[in-house]
């Protein structure tokens, strides 16, 4: 018997990389052969428009590359393997592209069981929630509270600023209330809640004194020596920035980890993310060196998300066994 689709909801009180993250996450899952449904409840169909644009761009590239292959065949010329690889990649991504449907939070709340039944053969259902968790009276939106309870994994994205700390307090309060409600009814709150901390490396200034103190190459007498010293300085700056990111993650975990433990990997939000999104593409459609760095970093985020979802399966299995026994 197939396992039902895992429910993953991205929830925040501000617009913080949610749609961009969903775009790249769903593309990564597609490349791994997973079928994904995206439910857009955001009101502004950004993810729906993006996925459709991505489909159109990919279809055009496939047509163009097939024409190139046919032309080369007709001329009896060798076909570059990279061209064939790109064609295979695009066809697979297109075939496994995510399906997007739009529902308001109210509609989703009323239709959730039907949607889960209709898409039970999918692997994941990802819900893009509007960028707010409180209503006009500063009370938690009831449909969001229920969505959290129904989900296998909730991801709460944050950037490192004061407003996000305020939002984290609000979200933690909602999770704490849901846990209390579940226990008071004789049950258990089983949804995993994980925070995704986003950092823009361009905004993180390396500690120049620390970097200078750790430099080991001092020779600047030749061009080669100066280049080597500059390369070491650049590497030390990256190490220092990563150290600052790790410290921020630990601090967030100390403050809010009880209710929304940080994912094992942060989102390093490089400029390629919005650049690709605006073109109807993901970071996985780019082939530059900077794109490869972003892909490697985001692969760690995807791995952390899949591991968190796997935790929910273990918990559910253990609970079912205890009930059976």
C-alpha atoms as a PDB file:
ATOM      1  CA  UNK A   1       0.000   0.000   0.000  1.00  0.00           C
ATOM      2  CA  UNK A   2       1.398   3.393  -1.005  1.00  0.00           C
ATOM      3  CA  UNK A   3       2.109   5.960   1.673  1.00  0.00           C
ATOM      4  CA  UNK A   4      -0.114   9.074   1.520  1.00  0.00           C
ATOM      5  CA  UNK A   5       1.434  12.310   0.309  1.00  0.00           C
ATOM      6  CA  UNK A   6       3.428  14.157   2.956  1.00  0.00           C
ATOM      7  CA  UNK A   7       2.028  17.591   3.786  1.00  0.00           C
ATOM      8  CA  UNK A   8       4.595  20.402   3.943  1.00  0.00           C
ATOM      9  CA  UNK A   9       3.487  23.968   4.767  1.00  0.00           C
ATOM     10  CA  UNK A  10       5.633  27.106   4.600  1.00  0.00           C
ATOM     11  CA  UNK A  11       4.316  29.672   7.048  1.00  0.00           C
ATOM     12  CA  UNK A  12       5.571  33.132   7.954  1.00  0.00           C
ATOM     13  CA  UNK A  13       4.277  36.535   9.040  1.00  0.00           C
ATOM     14  CA  UNK A  14       6.398  38.320   6.439  1.00  0.00           C
ATOM     15  CA  UNK A  15       7.253  37.682   2.813  1.00  0.00           C
ATOM     16  CA  UNK A  16      10.583  35.899   3.300  1.00  0.00           C
ATOM     17  CA  UNK A  17      11.786  33.733   0.404  1.00  0.00           C
ATOM     18  CA  UNK A  18       8.749  31.425   0.712  1.00  0.00           C
ATOM     19  CA  UNK A  19       7.805  31.312  -2.944  1.00  0.00           C
ATOM     20  CA  UNK A  20      11.428  31.212  -4.130  1.00  0.00           C
ATOM     21  CA  UNK A  21      12.148  28.355  -1.728  1.00  0.00           C
ATOM     22  CA  UNK A  22       9.090  26.408  -2.900  1.00  0.00           C
ATOM     23  CA  UNK A  23      10.088  26.915  -6.534  1.00  0.00           C
ATOM     24  CA  UNK A  24      13.587  25.509  -6.025  1.00  0.00           C
ATOM     25  CA  UNK A  25      12.453  22.814  -3.587  1.00  0.00           C
ATOM     26  CA  UNK A  26       9.792  21.474  -5.955  1.00  0.00           C
ATOM     27  CA  UNK A  27      12.294  21.513  -8.852  1.00  0.00           C
ATOM     28  CA  UNK A  28      14.848  19.605  -6.777  1.00  0.00           C
ATOM     29  CA  UNK A  29      12.209  17.054  -5.749  1.00  0.00           C
ATOM     30  CA  UNK A  30      11.171  16.653  -9.398  1.00  0.00           C
ATOM     31  CA  UNK A  31      14.760  15.901 -10.390  1.00  0.00           C
ATOM     32  CA  UNK A  32      14.765  13.165  -7.721  1.00  0.00           C
ATOM     33  CA  UNK A  33      11.642  11.644  -9.258  1.00  0.00           C
ATOM     34  CA  UNK A  34       9.127  12.837  -6.662  1.00  0.00           C
ATOM     35  CA  UNK A  35       5.642  13.991  -7.663  1.00  0.00           C
ATOM     36  CA  UNK A  36       4.677  17.258  -5.983  1.00  0.00           C
ATOM     37  CA  UNK A  37       1.448  19.218  -5.691  1.00  0.00           C
ATOM     38  CA  UNK A  38       1.739  22.885  -4.738  1.00  0.00           C
ATOM     39  CA  UNK A  39      -1.299  24.565  -3.215  1.00  0.00           C
ATOM     40  CA  UNK A  40      -1.070  28.324  -3.611  1.00  0.00           C
ATOM     41  CA  UNK A  41      -3.144  30.094  -0.948  1.00  0.00           C
ATOM     42  CA  UNK A  42      -1.204  33.343  -1.193  1.00  0.00           C
ATOM     43  CA  UNK A  43      -3.862  35.302  -3.089  1.00  0.00           C
ATOM     44  CA  UNK A  44      -1.235  36.560  -5.538  1.00  0.00           C
ATOM     45  CA  UNK A  45      -0.545  33.556  -7.828  1.00  0.00           C
ATOM     46  CA  UNK A  46       3.220  34.122  -7.919  1.00  0.00           C
ATOM     47  CA  UNK A  47       4.186  30.454  -7.676  1.00  0.00           C
ATOM     48  CA  UNK A  48       1.538  29.441 -10.218  1.00  0.00           C
ATOM     49  CA  UNK A  49       2.759  32.042 -12.700  1.00  0.00           C
ATOM     50  CA  UNK A  50       6.382  31.067 -12.063  1.00  0.00           C
ATOM     51  CA  UNK A  51       5.802  27.336 -12.626  1.00  0.00           C
ATOM     52  CA  UNK A  52       3.884  28.072 -15.835  1.00  0.00           C
ATOM     53  CA  UNK A  53       6.653  30.402 -17.042  1.00  0.00           C
ATOM     54  CA  UNK A  54       9.244  27.753 -16.208  1.00  0.00           C
ATOM     55  CA  UNK A  55       7.252  25.213 -18.247  1.00  0.00           C
ATOM     56  CA  UNK A  56       7.112  27.538 -21.265  1.00  0.00           C
ATOM     57  CA  UNK A  57      10.834  28.359 -21.101  1.00  0.00           C
ATOM     58  CA  UNK A  58      11.725  24.663 -20.772  1.00  0.00           C
ATOM     59  CA  UNK A  59       9.464  23.644 -23.675  1.00  0.00           C
ATOM     60  CA  UNK A  60      11.074  26.279 -25.923  1.00  0.00           C
ATOM     61  CA  UNK A  61      14.549  25.095 -24.958  1.00  0.00           C
ATOM     62  CA  UNK A  62      13.597  21.472 -25.699  1.00  0.00           C
ATOM     63  CA  UNK A  63      12.254  22.403 -29.146  1.00  0.00           C
ATOM     64  CA  UNK A  64      15.379  24.457 -29.880  1.00  0.00           C
ATOM     65  CA  UNK A  65      17.772  21.723 -28.757  1.00  0.00           C
ATOM     66  CA  UNK A  66      15.887  18.985 -30.626  1.00  0.00           C
ATOM     67  CA  UNK A  67      16.198  21.085 -33.781  1.00  0.00           C
ATOM     68  CA  UNK A  68      19.954  21.414 -33.149  1.00  0.00           C
ATOM     69  CA  UNK A  69      20.310  17.653 -32.720  1.00  0.00           C
ATOM     70  CA  UNK A  70      18.357  16.973 -35.911  1.00  0.00           C
ATOM     71  CA  UNK A  71      20.426  19.508 -37.848  1.00  0.00           C
ATOM     72  CA  UNK A  72      23.694  17.969 -36.674  1.00  0.00           C
ATOM     73  CA  UNK A  73      22.434  14.489 -37.580  1.00  0.00           C
ATOM     74  CA  UNK A  74      21.475  15.612 -41.059  1.00  0.00           C
ATOM     75  CA  UNK A  75      24.914  17.142 -41.581  1.00  0.00           C
ATOM     76  CA  UNK A  76      26.614  14.028 -40.281  1.00  0.00           C
ATOM     77  CA  UNK A  77      28.342  15.966 -37.530  1.00  0.00           C
ATOM     78  CA  UNK A  78      29.072  14.863 -33.972  1.00  0.00           C
ATOM     79  CA  UNK A  79      26.499  15.796 -31.343  1.00  0.00           C
ATOM     80  CA  UNK A  80      27.942  17.362 -28.220  1.00  0.00           C
ATOM     81  CA  UNK A  81      27.171  15.232 -25.146  1.00  0.00           C
ATOM     82  CA  UNK A  82      26.351  18.323 -23.088  1.00  0.00           C
ATOM     83  CA  UNK A  83      23.553  19.117 -25.569  1.00  0.00           C
ATOM     84  CA  UNK A  84      22.094  15.629 -25.174  1.00  0.00           C
ATOM     85  CA  UNK A  85      22.435  15.854 -21.377  1.00  0.00           C
ATOM     86  CA  UNK A  86      20.592  19.202 -21.328  1.00  0.00           C
ATOM     87  CA  UNK A  87      17.820  17.760 -23.489  1.00  0.00           C
ATOM     88  CA  UNK A  88      17.433  14.723 -21.249  1.00  0.00           C
ATOM     89  CA  UNK A  89      17.496  16.923 -18.145  1.00  0.00           C
ATOM     90  CA  UNK A  90      14.794  19.263 -19.484  1.00  0.00           C
ATOM     91  CA  UNK A  91      12.518  16.454 -20.647  1.00  0.00           C
ATOM     92  CA  UNK A  92      12.727  14.715 -17.274  1.00  0.00           C
ATOM     93  CA  UNK A  93      12.128  17.979 -15.364  1.00  0.00           C
ATOM     94  CA  UNK A  94       9.165  18.819 -17.598  1.00  0.00           C
ATOM     95  CA  UNK A  95       7.597  15.381 -17.196  1.00  0.00           C
ATOM     96  CA  UNK A  96       7.946  15.522 -13.394  1.00  0.00           C
ATOM     97  CA  UNK A  97       7.171  19.225 -12.955  1.00  0.00           C
ATOM     98  CA  UNK A  98       4.968  20.104  -9.969  1.00  0.00           C
ATOM     99  CA  UNK A  99       1.234  20.602 -10.347  1.00  0.00           C
ATOM    100  CA  UNK A 100      -0.123  23.886  -8.943  1.00  0.00           C
ATOM    101  CA  UNK A 101      -3.654  24.575  -7.773  1.00  0.00           C
ATOM    102  CA  UNK A 102      -4.942  27.785  -6.185  1.00  0.00           C
ATOM    103  CA  UNK A 103      -7.197  27.837  -3.133  1.00  0.00           C
ATOM    104  CA  UNK A 104      -7.951  30.415  -0.489  1.00  0.00           C
ATOM    105  CA  UNK A 105      -7.145  29.378   3.068  1.00  0.00           C
ATOM    106  CA  UNK A 106     -10.887  29.032   3.680  1.00  0.00           C
ATOM    107  CA  UNK A 107     -11.338  26.839   0.597  1.00  0.00           C
ATOM    108  CA  UNK A 108      -8.332  24.714   1.504  1.00  0.00           C
ATOM    109  CA  UNK A 109      -9.645  24.221   5.027  1.00  0.00           C
ATOM    110  CA  UNK A 110     -12.986  22.991   3.635  1.00  0.00           C
ATOM    111  CA  UNK A 111     -11.510  20.849   0.827  1.00  0.00           C
ATOM    112  CA  UNK A 112      -8.353  19.482   2.418  1.00  0.00           C
ATOM    113  CA  UNK A 113      -9.562  15.883   2.819  1.00  0.00           C
ATOM    114  CA  UNK A 114     -10.763  15.794  -0.803  1.00  0.00           C
ATOM    115  CA  UNK A 115      -7.447  17.197  -2.068  1.00  0.00           C
ATOM    116  CA  UNK A 116      -5.445  14.668  -0.056  1.00  0.00           C
ATOM    117  CA  UNK A 117      -7.591  11.875  -1.478  1.00  0.00           C
ATOM    118  CA  UNK A 118      -7.355  13.114  -5.083  1.00  0.00           C
ATOM    119  CA  UNK A 119      -3.560  13.530  -4.870  1.00  0.00           C
ATOM    120  CA  UNK A 120      -2.809  10.573  -2.611  1.00  0.00           C
ATOM    121  CA  UNK A 121      -0.579   9.109  -5.343  1.00  0.00           C
ATOM    122  CA  UNK A 122       1.725  12.145  -5.093  1.00  0.00           C
ATOM    123  CA  UNK A 123       4.749  12.159  -2.810  1.00  0.00           C
ATOM    124  CA  UNK A 124       4.431  15.685  -1.429  1.00  0.00           C
ATOM    125  CA  UNK A 125       1.794  18.381  -1.049  1.00  0.00           C
ATOM    126  CA  UNK A 126       3.437  21.758  -0.445  1.00  0.00           C
ATOM    127  CA  UNK A 127       1.246  24.614   0.794  1.00  0.00           C
ATOM    128  CA  UNK A 128       2.301  28.225   0.168  1.00  0.00           C
ATOM    129  CA  UNK A 129       0.574  30.240   2.890  1.00  0.00           C
ATOM    130  CA  UNK A 130      -0.048  34.029   2.839  1.00  0.00           C
ATOM    131  CA  UNK A 131       2.641  36.068   4.586  1.00  0.00           C
ATOM    132  CA  UNK A 132       0.731  36.541   7.825  1.00  0.00           C
ATOM    133  CA  UNK A 133      -0.361  34.350  10.718  1.00  0.00           C
ATOM    134  CA  UNK A 134      -2.499  36.845  12.651  1.00  0.00           C
ATOM    135  CA  UNK A 135      -5.900  38.288  11.770  1.00  0.00           C
ATOM    136  CA  UNK A 136      -6.963  41.933  12.083  1.00  0.00           C
ATOM    137  CA  UNK A 137      -7.487  41.444  15.835  1.00  0.00           C
ATOM    138  CA  UNK A 138      -3.984  39.968  16.282  1.00  0.00           C
ATOM    139  CA  UNK A 139      -5.390  36.496  16.874  1.00  0.00           C
ATOM    140  CA  UNK A 140      -3.926  33.449  15.093  1.00  0.00           C
ATOM    141  CA  UNK A 141      -5.797  32.745  11.855  1.00  0.00           C
ATOM    142  CA  UNK A 142      -7.837  29.626  12.631  1.00  0.00           C
ATOM    143  CA  UNK A 143      -7.335  28.061   9.188  1.00  0.00           C
ATOM    144  CA  UNK A 144      -3.570  28.357   9.599  1.00  0.00           C
ATOM    145  CA  UNK A 145      -3.737  26.744  13.041  1.00  0.00           C
ATOM    146  CA  UNK A 146      -5.636  23.803  11.572  1.00  0.00           C
ATOM    147  CA  UNK A 147      -3.243  23.582   8.623  1.00  0.00           C
ATOM    148  CA  UNK A 148      -0.328  23.361  11.049  1.00  0.00           C
ATOM    149  CA  UNK A 149      -2.060  20.506  12.885  1.00  0.00           C
ATOM    150  CA  UNK A 150      -2.802  18.636   9.628  1.00  0.00           C
ATOM    151  CA  UNK A 151       0.739  18.990   8.236  1.00  0.00           C
ATOM    152  CA  UNK A 152       3.584  16.525   8.572  1.00  0.00           C
ATOM    153  CA  UNK A 153       6.155  19.317   8.489  1.00  0.00           C
ATOM    154  CA  UNK A 154       5.840  23.079   8.882  1.00  0.00           C
ATOM    155  CA  UNK A 155       8.726  25.285   7.800  1.00  0.00           C
ATOM    156  CA  UNK A 156       8.954  28.812   9.176  1.00  0.00           C
ATOM    157  CA  UNK A 157      11.438  30.938   7.187  1.00  0.00           C
ATOM    158  CA  UNK A 158      13.213  33.855   8.844  1.00  0.00           C
ATOM    159  CA  UNK A 159      15.831  36.451   8.084  1.00  0.00           C
ATOM    160  CA  UNK A 160      18.079  37.712  10.825  1.00  0.00           C
ATOM    161  CA  UNK A 161      16.457  41.004  11.816  1.00  0.00           C
ATOM    162  CA  UNK A 162      14.449  42.401  14.738  1.00  0.00           C
ATOM    163  CA  UNK A 163      11.054  42.024  13.049  1.00  0.00           C
ATOM    164  CA  UNK A 164      11.697  38.362  12.413  1.00  0.00           C
ATOM    165  CA  UNK A 165      12.511  37.836  16.071  1.00  0.00           C
ATOM    166  CA  UNK A 166       9.087  39.290  16.904  1.00  0.00           C
ATOM    167  CA  UNK A 167       7.493  36.954  14.357  1.00  0.00           C
ATOM    168  CA  UNK A 168       9.348  33.977  15.847  1.00  0.00           C
ATOM    169  CA  UNK A 169       7.839  34.781  19.251  1.00  0.00           C
ATOM    170  CA  UNK A 170       4.369  34.869  17.663  1.00  0.00           C
ATOM    171  CA  UNK A 171       4.813  31.558  15.831  1.00  0.00           C
ATOM    172  CA  UNK A 172       6.255  29.872  18.931  1.00  0.00           C
ATOM    173  CA  UNK A 173       3.196  31.021  20.857  1.00  0.00           C
ATOM    174  CA  UNK A 174       0.883  29.451  18.279  1.00  0.00           C
ATOM    175  CA  UNK A 175       2.792  26.147  18.356  1.00  0.00           C
ATOM    176  CA  UNK A 176       2.780  26.131  22.159  1.00  0.00           C
ATOM    177  CA  UNK A 177      -1.018  26.647  22.179  1.00  0.00           C
ATOM    178  CA  UNK A 178      -1.519  23.829  19.659  1.00  0.00           C
ATOM    179  CA  UNK A 179       0.599  21.476  21.761  1.00  0.00           C
ATOM    180  CA  UNK A 180      -1.399  22.380  24.864  1.00  0.00           C
ATOM    181  CA  UNK A 181      -4.723  21.899  23.043  1.00  0.00           C
ATOM    182  CA  UNK A 182      -3.650  18.471  21.765  1.00  0.00           C
ATOM    183  CA  UNK A 183      -2.586  17.263  25.218  1.00  0.00           C
ATOM    184  CA  UNK A 184      -5.743  18.633  26.885  1.00  0.00           C
ATOM    185  CA  UNK A 185      -7.793  16.563  24.425  1.00  0.00           C
ATOM    186  CA  UNK A 186      -5.841  13.435  25.295  1.00  0.00           C
ATOM    187  CA  UNK A 187      -3.727  13.459  22.141  1.00  0.00           C
ATOM    188  CA  UNK A 188      -0.291  14.566  21.017  1.00  0.00           C
ATOM    189  CA  UNK A 189       0.908  17.301  18.688  1.00  0.00           C
ATOM    190  CA  UNK A 190       2.842  15.336  16.059  1.00  0.00           C
ATOM    191  CA  UNK A 191       3.586  18.019  13.449  1.00  0.00           C
ATOM    192  CA  UNK A 192       7.285  18.712  13.073  1.00  0.00           C
ATOM    193  CA  UNK A 193       8.032  22.454  12.987  1.00  0.00           C
ATOM    194  CA  UNK A 194      11.383  23.587  11.658  1.00  0.00           C
ATOM    195  CA  UNK A 195      12.694  27.079  11.019  1.00  0.00           C
ATOM    196  CA  UNK A 196      14.600  27.883   7.844  1.00  0.00           C
ATOM    197  CA  UNK A 197      17.041  30.687   8.540  1.00  0.00           C
ATOM    198  CA  UNK A 198      17.959  32.734   5.457  1.00  0.00           C
ATOM    199  CA  UNK A 199      21.185  34.707   5.173  1.00  0.00           C
ATOM    200  CA  UNK A 200      22.379  37.057   2.452  1.00  0.00           C
ATOM    201  CA  UNK A 201      26.185  36.636   2.389  1.00  0.00           C
ATOM    202  CA  UNK A 202      26.580  40.017   0.685  1.00  0.00           C
ATOM    203  CA  UNK A 203      25.152  41.658   3.823  1.00  0.00           C
ATOM    204  CA  UNK A 204      27.413  39.815   6.254  1.00  0.00           C
ATOM    205  CA  UNK A 205      30.637  41.733   6.803  1.00  0.00           C
ATOM    206  CA  UNK A 206      33.655  39.643   7.681  1.00  0.00           C
ATOM    207  CA  UNK A 207      35.665  40.647  10.746  1.00  0.00           C
ATOM    208  CA  UNK A 208      38.713  42.214   9.046  1.00  0.00           C
ATOM    209  CA  UNK A 209      40.850  42.089  12.211  1.00  0.00           C
ATOM    210  CA  UNK A 210      40.090  38.396  12.683  1.00  0.00           C
ATOM    211  CA  UNK A 211      40.840  37.689   9.028  1.00  0.00           C
ATOM    212  CA  UNK A 212      44.140  39.591   9.103  1.00  0.00           C
ATOM    213  CA  UNK A 213      45.187  37.821  12.291  1.00  0.00           C
ATOM    214  CA  UNK A 214      44.675  34.417  10.663  1.00  0.00           C
ATOM    215  CA  UNK A 215      46.552  35.168   7.434  1.00  0.00           C
ATOM    216  CA  UNK A 216      49.549  32.854   7.016  1.00  0.00           C
ATOM    217  CA  UNK A 217      50.819  34.119   3.667  1.00  0.00           C
ATOM    218  CA  UNK A 218      52.810  37.313   4.171  1.00  0.00           C
ATOM    219  CA  UNK A 219      54.932  37.462   1.028  1.00  0.00           C
ATOM    220  CA  UNK A 220      53.760  40.172  -1.409  1.00  0.00           C
ATOM    221  CA  UNK A 221      56.955  40.505  -3.444  1.00  0.00           C
ATOM    222  CA  UNK A 222      55.584  38.891  -6.613  1.00  0.00           C
ATOM    223  CA  UNK A 223      52.307  38.846  -8.483  1.00  0.00           C
ATOM    224  CA  UNK A 224      51.869  35.140  -7.758  1.00  0.00           C
ATOM    225  CA  UNK A 225      52.469  35.721  -4.043  1.00  0.00           C
ATOM    226  CA  UNK A 226      49.970  38.570  -3.930  1.00  0.00           C
ATOM    227  CA  UNK A 227      47.348  36.474  -5.741  1.00  0.00           C
ATOM    228  CA  UNK A 228      47.878  33.616  -3.295  1.00  0.00           C
ATOM    229  CA  UNK A 229      47.557  36.000  -0.333  1.00  0.00           C
ATOM    230  CA  UNK A 230      44.348  37.496  -1.756  1.00  0.00           C
ATOM    231  CA  UNK A 231      42.919  34.007  -2.294  1.00  0.00           C
ATOM    232  CA  UNK A 232      43.700  33.110   1.316  1.00  0.00           C
ATOM    233  CA  UNK A 233      42.105  36.354   2.542  1.00  0.00           C
ATOM    234  CA  UNK A 234      38.974  35.610   0.505  1.00  0.00           C
ATOM    235  CA  UNK A 235      38.752  32.077   1.923  1.00  0.00           C
ATOM    236  CA  UNK A 236      39.210  33.367   5.480  1.00  0.00           C
ATOM    237  CA  UNK A 237      36.418  35.900   4.943  1.00  0.00           C
ATOM    238  CA  UNK A 238      34.084  33.083   3.870  1.00  0.00           C
ATOM    239  CA  UNK A 239      35.060  31.105   6.967  1.00  0.00           C
ATOM    240  CA  UNK A 240      34.364  34.127   9.170  1.00  0.00           C
ATOM    241  CA  UNK A 241      30.955  34.722   7.547  1.00  0.00           C
ATOM    242  CA  UNK A 242      30.052  31.066   8.044  1.00  0.00           C
ATOM    243  CA  UNK A 243      31.110  31.347  11.679  1.00  0.00           C
ATOM    244  CA  UNK A 244      28.763  34.329  12.111  1.00  0.00           C
ATOM    245  CA  UNK A 245      25.921  32.402  10.441  1.00  0.00           C
ATOM    246  CA  UNK A 246      26.510  29.389  12.691  1.00  0.00           C
ATOM    247  CA  UNK A 247      26.444  31.656  15.756  1.00  0.00           C
ATOM    248  CA  UNK A 248      23.146  33.221  14.652  1.00  0.00           C
ATOM    249  CA  UNK A 249      21.627  29.765  14.104  1.00  0.00           C
ATOM    250  CA  UNK A 250      22.719  28.635  17.577  1.00  0.00           C
ATOM    251  CA  UNK A 251      21.275  31.803  19.117  1.00  0.00           C
ATOM    252  CA  UNK A 252      17.956  31.288  17.323  1.00  0.00           C
ATOM    253  CA  UNK A 253      17.898  27.652  18.405  1.00  0.00           C
ATOM    254  CA  UNK A 254      18.539  28.636  22.032  1.00  0.00           C
ATOM    255  CA  UNK A 255      15.693  31.147  21.924  1.00  0.00           C
ATOM    256  CA  UNK A 256      13.068  29.293  19.858  1.00  0.00           C
ATOM    257  CA  UNK A 257      14.292  25.727  19.371  1.00  0.00           C
ATOM    258  CA  UNK A 258      11.713  24.221  21.722  1.00  0.00           C
ATOM    259  CA  UNK A 259       8.918  24.947  19.240  1.00  0.00           C
ATOM    260  CA  UNK A 260      10.687  25.582  15.911  1.00  0.00           C
ATOM    261  CA  UNK A 261      14.104  24.000  15.852  1.00  0.00           C
ATOM    262  CA  UNK A 262      16.307  25.318  13.004  1.00  0.00           C
ATOM    263  CA  UNK A 263      16.868  23.019  10.048  1.00  0.00           C
ATOM    264  CA  UNK A 264      20.340  21.510   9.878  1.00  0.00           C
ATOM    265  CA  UNK A 265      21.189  23.708   6.862  1.00  0.00           C
ATOM    266  CA  UNK A 266      20.470  27.445   6.402  1.00  0.00           C
ATOM    267  CA  UNK A 267      19.358  29.067   3.158  1.00  0.00           C
ATOM    268  CA  UNK A 268      22.276  31.073   1.766  1.00  0.00           C
ATOM    269  CA  UNK A 269      20.229  33.523  -0.278  1.00  0.00           C
ATOM    270  CA  UNK A 270      22.544  34.540  -3.103  1.00  0.00           C
ATOM    271  CA  UNK A 271      21.612  36.942  -5.900  1.00  0.00           C
ATOM    272  CA  UNK A 272      21.065  34.043  -8.283  1.00  0.00           C
ATOM    273  CA  UNK A 273      17.785  33.187  -6.514  1.00  0.00           C
ATOM    274  CA  UNK A 274      15.798  36.321  -7.465  1.00  0.00           C
ATOM    275  CA  UNK A 275      17.639  36.597 -10.800  1.00  0.00           C
ATOM    276  CA  UNK A 276      16.559  33.119 -11.863  1.00  0.00           C
ATOM    277  CA  UNK A 277      13.065  33.440 -10.391  1.00  0.00           C
ATOM    278  CA  UNK A 278      12.401  36.613 -12.386  1.00  0.00           C
ATOM    279  CA  UNK A 279      13.294  34.706 -15.562  1.00  0.00           C
ATOM    280  CA  UNK A 280      10.888  31.881 -14.729  1.00  0.00           C
ATOM    281  CA  UNK A 281      13.808  29.606 -13.848  1.00  0.00           C
ATOM    282  CA  UNK A 282      15.309  28.005 -10.764  1.00  0.00           C
ATOM    283  CA  UNK A 283      18.907  27.933  -9.616  1.00  0.00           C
ATOM    284  CA  UNK A 284      19.089  24.414 -11.101  1.00  0.00           C
ATOM    285  CA  UNK A 285      18.570  25.802 -14.617  1.00  0.00           C
ATOM    286  CA  UNK A 286      21.814  27.801 -14.429  1.00  0.00           C
ATOM    287  CA  UNK A 287      25.269  26.365 -15.149  1.00  0.00           C
ATOM    288  CA  UNK A 288      27.636  29.081 -13.903  1.00  0.00           C
ATOM    289  CA  UNK A 289      30.114  28.469 -11.096  1.00  0.00           C
ATOM    290  CA  UNK A 290      28.077  30.696  -8.755  1.00  0.00           C
ATOM    291  CA  UNK A 291      24.996  28.645  -9.651  1.00  0.00           C
ATOM    292  CA  UNK A 292      26.814  25.419  -8.772  1.00  0.00           C
ATOM    293  CA  UNK A 293      27.713  26.872  -5.373  1.00  0.00           C
ATOM    294  CA  UNK A 294      24.069  27.865  -4.746  1.00  0.00           C
ATOM    295  CA  UNK A 295      22.871  24.433  -5.899  1.00  0.00           C
ATOM    296  CA  UNK A 296      25.245  22.648  -3.525  1.00  0.00           C
ATOM    297  CA  UNK A 297      24.087  24.864  -0.640  1.00  0.00           C
ATOM    298  CA  UNK A 298      20.402  24.391  -1.445  1.00  0.00           C
ATOM    299  CA  UNK A 299      20.858  20.630  -1.814  1.00  0.00           C
ATOM    300  CA  UNK A 300      21.783  20.637   1.881  1.00  0.00           C
ATOM    301  CA  UNK A 301      18.517  22.465   2.652  1.00  0.00           C
ATOM    302  CA  UNK A 302      16.542  19.869   0.652  1.00  0.00           C
ATOM    303  CA  UNK A 303      18.373  17.062   2.454  1.00  0.00           C
ATOM    304  CA  UNK A 304      17.525  18.628   5.836  1.00  0.00           C
ATOM    305  CA  UNK A 305      13.851  18.976   4.846  1.00  0.00           C
ATOM    306  CA  UNK A 306      13.630  15.350   3.692  1.00  0.00           C
ATOM    307  CA  UNK A 307      15.301  14.206   6.919  1.00  0.00           C
ATOM    308  CA  UNK A 308      12.799  16.220   8.976  1.00  0.00           C
ATOM    309  CA  UNK A 309       9.914  14.660   7.020  1.00  0.00           C
ATOM    310  CA  UNK A 310      11.429  11.214   7.569  1.00  0.00           C
ATOM    311  CA  UNK A 311      11.331  11.934  11.323  1.00  0.00           C
ATOM    312  CA  UNK A 312       7.566  12.424  11.074  1.00  0.00           C
ATOM    313  CA  UNK A 313       7.218   9.003   9.419  1.00  0.00           C
ATOM    314  CA  UNK A 314       9.151   7.354  12.254  1.00  0.00           C
ATOM    315  CA  UNK A 315       6.967   9.071  14.859  1.00  0.00           C
ATOM    316  CA  UNK A 316       3.760   8.106  13.049  1.00  0.00           C
ATOM    317  CA  UNK A 317       4.891   4.473  12.698  1.00  0.00           C
ATOM    318  CA  UNK A 318       5.799   4.257  16.383  1.00  0.00           C
ATOM    319  CA  UNK A 319       2.419   5.688  17.375  1.00  0.00           C
ATOM    320  CA  UNK A 320       0.537   3.292  15.116  1.00  0.00           C
ATOM    321  CA  UNK A 321       2.459   0.324  16.537  1.00  0.00           C
ATOM    322  CA  UNK A 322       1.699   1.404  20.107  1.00  0.00           C
ATOM    323  CA  UNK A 323      -2.001   1.704  19.264  1.00  0.00           C
ATOM    324  CA  UNK A 324      -1.992  -1.721  17.595  1.00  0.00           C
ATOM    325  CA  UNK A 325      -0.231  -3.336  20.535  1.00  0.00           C
END
